[in-house]
N, C-alpha and C. Protein backbone atom coordinates (compact mmCIF):
# COMPACT_ATOMS: atom_id res chain seq x y z
N MET A 1 147.20 64.35 53.69
CA MET A 1 144.96 64.28 52.54
C MET A 1 145.05 65.39 52.96
N PRO A 2 144.40 66.34 51.69
CA PRO A 2 144.27 67.57 52.61
C PRO A 2 142.60 68.58 53.02
N LYS A 3 143.26 69.60 53.62
CA LYS A 3 142.36 69.91 53.85
C LYS A 3 141.37 70.67 53.92
N LEU A 4 140.16 69.78 54.51
CA LEU A 4 138.88 70.33 54.09
C LEU A 4 138.20 72.81 53.70
N ASN A 5 137.54 72.43 52.74
CA ASN A 5 137.49 73.66 52.44
C ASN A 5 136.06 74.14 53.17
N SER A 6 135.97 75.50 52.89
CA SER A 6 134.57 75.79 53.93
C SER A 6 133.19 75.28 52.64
N GLN A 7 133.40 74.95 51.51
CA GLN A 7 131.92 74.45 51.41
C GLN A 7 132.30 73.08 51.32
N GLN A 8 133.29 72.20 51.33
CA GLN A 8 133.00 71.13 52.08
C GLN A 8 132.28 70.93 54.07
N LYS A 9 132.51 71.39 54.31
CA LYS A 9 132.47 71.68 55.81
C LYS A 9 130.68 71.69 55.50
N ARG A 10 130.16 73.42 54.90
CA ARG A 10 129.12 73.63 54.69
C ARG A 10 128.53 72.35 54.00
N LEU A 11 128.74 71.73 53.21
CA LEU A 11 127.86 70.11 52.82
C LEU A 11 127.99 69.49 54.38
N LEU A 12 128.67 69.66 55.21
CA LEU A 12 128.56 68.25 56.39
C LEU A 12 127.31 68.43 56.98
N PHE A 13 127.39 70.83 56.77
CA PHE A 13 126.77 70.85 57.98
C PHE A 13 125.34 70.40 58.32
N ASP A 14 125.60 71.23 56.06
CA ASP A 14 124.10 70.87 56.24
C ASP A 14 123.67 69.20 55.97
N TYR A 15 124.41 68.20 56.12
CA TYR A 15 124.22 67.04 55.62
C TYR A 15 123.81 66.21 57.19
N CYS A 16 124.55 66.94 58.43
CA CYS A 16 124.17 66.40 59.54
C CYS A 16 122.95 66.65 60.76
N PHE A 17 122.54 68.08 59.14
CA PHE A 17 120.78 68.31 59.37
C PHE A 17 120.50 68.27 58.50
N ASP A 18 120.30 67.18 57.61
CA ASP A 18 119.50 66.64 56.80
C ASP A 18 118.82 68.10 55.91
N LEU A 19 119.65 68.34 55.31
CA LEU A 19 119.52 69.76 54.74
C LEU A 19 120.08 69.39 52.69
N THR A 20 120.11 68.10 52.97
CA THR A 20 120.93 68.01 51.18
C THR A 20 120.19 67.29 50.66
N THR A 21 119.97 67.58 49.27
CA THR A 21 119.68 67.22 48.41
C THR A 21 120.23 65.34 48.18
N LYS A 22 119.46 64.63 47.54
CA LYS A 22 119.87 63.59 47.03
C LYS A 22 121.21 63.05 46.90
N THR A 23 121.90 63.85 45.73
CA THR A 23 123.22 64.05 45.61
C THR A 23 123.95 64.74 46.56
N ASP A 24 123.30 65.77 46.57
CA ASP A 24 124.41 66.20 48.14
C ASP A 24 124.86 65.33 49.22
N THR A 25 123.42 64.25 49.89
CA THR A 25 124.43 63.58 50.12
C THR A 25 124.82 62.40 49.90
N ALA A 26 124.97 61.91 48.92
CA ALA A 26 125.71 60.97 48.45
C ALA A 26 127.15 61.43 48.34
N GLN A 27 127.37 62.58 48.00
CA GLN A 27 128.41 63.45 47.68
C GLN A 27 128.97 63.97 49.82
N ALA A 28 128.27 63.92 50.68
CA ALA A 28 128.79 64.31 52.05
C ALA A 28 129.36 62.77 52.40
N LYS A 29 128.26 61.35 51.95
CA LYS A 29 128.66 60.53 52.67
C LYS A 29 130.15 59.78 51.70
N LYS A 30 129.81 59.72 50.67
CA LYS A 30 131.17 59.39 49.78
C LYS A 30 132.77 60.90 50.86
N LEU A 31 133.13 61.96 51.23
CA LEU A 31 133.81 62.58 51.51
C LEU A 31 134.22 62.19 52.91
N ILE A 32 133.12 61.84 53.70
CA ILE A 32 132.80 61.61 55.38
C ILE A 32 133.54 60.28 54.88
N THR A 33 133.50 59.24 54.66
CA THR A 33 134.37 57.91 54.58
C THR A 33 135.53 57.76 53.48
N SER A 34 135.89 58.78 52.60
CA SER A 34 137.27 58.93 52.68
C SER A 34 138.42 60.83 53.19
N ASN A 35 137.96 61.17 54.09
CA ASN A 35 138.60 61.56 55.24
C ASN A 35 138.19 61.99 56.47
N SER A 36 139.39 61.67 56.88
CA SER A 36 139.23 61.65 58.68
C SER A 36 138.47 62.63 59.41
N GLU A 37 139.32 63.73 58.40
CA GLU A 37 138.98 65.13 59.18
C GLU A 37 137.14 65.44 58.16
N ALA A 38 136.31 64.90 57.37
CA ALA A 38 134.79 65.26 57.40
C ALA A 38 134.37 64.62 58.30
N ALA A 39 134.76 62.37 58.50
CA ALA A 39 134.81 62.03 59.29
C ALA A 39 134.45 63.01 60.58
N ASP A 40 135.13 63.31 61.25
CA ASP A 40 135.04 64.11 62.82
C ASP A 40 133.91 64.54 62.91
N ILE A 41 133.75 65.97 61.63
CA ILE A 41 133.19 67.11 62.08
C ILE A 41 132.09 66.41 62.49
N CYS A 42 131.75 65.37 61.33
CA CYS A 42 130.36 64.62 61.03
C CYS A 42 129.68 64.02 62.62
N ALA A 43 131.03 63.31 63.13
CA ALA A 43 130.74 62.56 64.46
C ALA A 43 130.39 63.29 64.97
N LYS A 44 131.41 64.66 65.17
CA LYS A 44 131.11 66.37 66.41
C LYS A 44 129.92 66.60 66.39
N ILE A 45 129.59 67.02 65.27
CA ILE A 45 128.27 67.21 64.53
C ILE A 45 126.85 66.87 65.52
N LYS A 46 126.66 65.08 65.38
CA LYS A 46 125.71 64.61 65.42
C LYS A 46 125.78 64.20 67.06
N ALA A 47 126.61 64.25 67.49
CA ALA A 47 127.25 64.57 68.98
C ALA A 47 126.50 64.72 69.60
N ALA A 48 126.57 66.90 69.13
CA ALA A 48 126.22 67.78 69.37
C ALA A 48 124.57 67.93 69.73
N LEU A 49 124.28 66.90 68.88
CA LEU A 49 122.34 67.14 67.85
C LEU A 49 121.63 66.03 69.08
N GLU A 50 122.20 65.06 69.06
CA GLU A 50 121.47 63.47 69.93
C GLU A 50 120.76 64.68 71.12
N PRO A 51 121.35 65.26 71.75
CA PRO A 51 119.96 65.42 72.74
C PRO A 51 118.99 66.15 72.59
N LEU A 52 119.60 66.96 71.71
CA LEU A 52 117.77 66.87 70.53
C LEU A 52 117.12 66.32 70.38
N LYS A 53 117.42 65.28 70.20
CA LYS A 53 116.10 64.44 69.04
C LYS A 53 114.95 63.68 69.96
N ASN A 54 115.43 63.98 71.38
CA ASN A 54 114.35 64.04 72.49
C ASN A 54 112.58 65.28 72.57
N LEU A 55 113.32 66.45 72.40
CA LEU A 55 112.39 67.55 72.21
C LEU A 55 110.96 67.15 71.20
N THR A 56 110.68 67.22 71.57
CA THR A 56 109.54 67.24 71.20
C THR A 56 108.62 68.43 70.05
N LEU A 57 108.35 68.36 68.97
CA LEU A 57 108.10 70.09 68.52
C LEU A 57 107.18 70.92 68.85
N THR A 58 106.42 71.82 69.16
CA THR A 58 105.47 72.99 69.90
C THR A 58 105.29 73.69 68.16
N THR A 59 104.18 73.26 67.81
CA THR A 59 103.75 74.97 67.42
C THR A 59 104.08 76.30 68.18
N CYS A 60 104.09 77.46 67.53
CA CYS A 60 104.93 78.41 67.42
C CYS A 60 103.43 79.24 67.68
N PRO A 61 103.40 80.27 68.85
CA PRO A 61 101.89 80.62 69.00
C PRO A 61 102.30 81.94 68.74
N ASP A 62 100.80 82.14 67.58
CA ASP A 62 100.36 83.73 66.59
C ASP A 62 101.46 84.41 67.64
N SER A 63 100.37 84.25 68.62
CA SER A 63 101.25 86.57 69.36
C SER A 63 102.91 86.40 68.69
N LEU A 64 103.71 85.43 68.95
CA LEU A 64 105.69 85.20 69.20
C LEU A 64 105.78 85.51 68.17
N VAL A 65 105.12 84.56 67.43
CA VAL A 65 105.22 85.22 65.79
C VAL A 65 105.80 86.14 65.22
N GLU A 66 104.37 87.50 66.25
CA GLU A 66 104.02 88.58 65.11
C GLU A 66 104.70 89.49 66.27
N LYS A 67 105.19 89.14 67.31
CA LYS A 67 106.28 89.92 68.63
C LYS A 67 107.25 90.39 68.37
N THR A 68 107.76 88.16 67.42
CA THR A 68 109.01 88.43 67.36
C THR A 68 109.76 89.25 65.67
N VAL A 69 108.78 89.03 64.15
CA VAL A 69 108.58 89.74 63.19
C VAL A 69 108.81 91.38 63.41
N SER A 70 107.77 91.76 64.93
CA SER A 70 107.49 93.01 64.90
C SER A 70 109.19 94.36 65.28
N ILE A 71 108.95 93.27 66.23
CA ILE A 71 110.78 93.73 66.51
C ILE A 71 112.25 93.91 65.53
N CYS A 72 112.13 92.16 64.71
CA CYS A 72 112.49 92.27 63.47
C CYS A 72 112.95 93.88 62.74
N SER A 73 111.13 94.14 62.24
CA SER A 73 110.88 95.08 62.29
C SER A 73 111.45 96.36 62.16
N SER A 74 110.66 96.76 63.15
CA SER A 74 111.63 97.60 64.17
C SER A 74 113.38 97.75 63.88
N THR A 75 114.15 97.13 64.03
CA THR A 75 115.65 96.93 64.77
C THR A 75 116.25 96.88 62.83
N GLN A 76 115.21 96.57 62.18
CA GLN A 76 116.31 96.95 60.33
C GLN A 76 115.42 98.02 60.39
N ARG A 77 114.59 98.62 60.59
CA ARG A 77 114.25 100.22 60.04
C ARG A 77 115.11 100.94 60.52
N LEU A 78 115.87 100.40 62.35
CA LEU A 78 116.64 101.55 63.36
C LEU A 78 117.99 101.77 62.59
N GLY A 79 118.31 100.24 62.01
CA GLY A 79 119.33 100.18 61.01
C GLY A 79 119.30 101.16 59.44
N ARG A 80 118.99 100.89 59.87
CA ARG A 80 118.37 101.54 58.13
C ARG A 80 119.04 102.77 58.72
N GLN A 81 117.88 103.67 59.42
CA GLN A 81 118.51 104.89 60.33
C GLN A 81 119.85 105.45 60.41
N SER A 82 120.40 104.85 60.96
CA SER A 82 122.54 105.23 61.93
C SER A 82 122.99 105.41 60.63
C-alpha cells in the first residue's frame, strides 16, 4: 500500500473538518476505505475533535475583533521594518 502524499493528507484533514466539496468528500471517503493509513489518520483527527462537539458557539465581541486586527496590523508593520 503506497504512503499518502501531502495532498491526500490535506484532503483528509479538510474532510474531517467538513471543509470539502462534494467531489472532495467522495474522494476522501474512497481514500479512507481503500487505505488503512488514511483511515487511521481520519479516526485520530475525529477522536481529537470529539470533545469540541459539546462547545457552544458564541459571537466574538467587536472590541476583541478590533483589538486583534490592530495587534496583527502592528505586528505586520514591525515585520516590514526589520
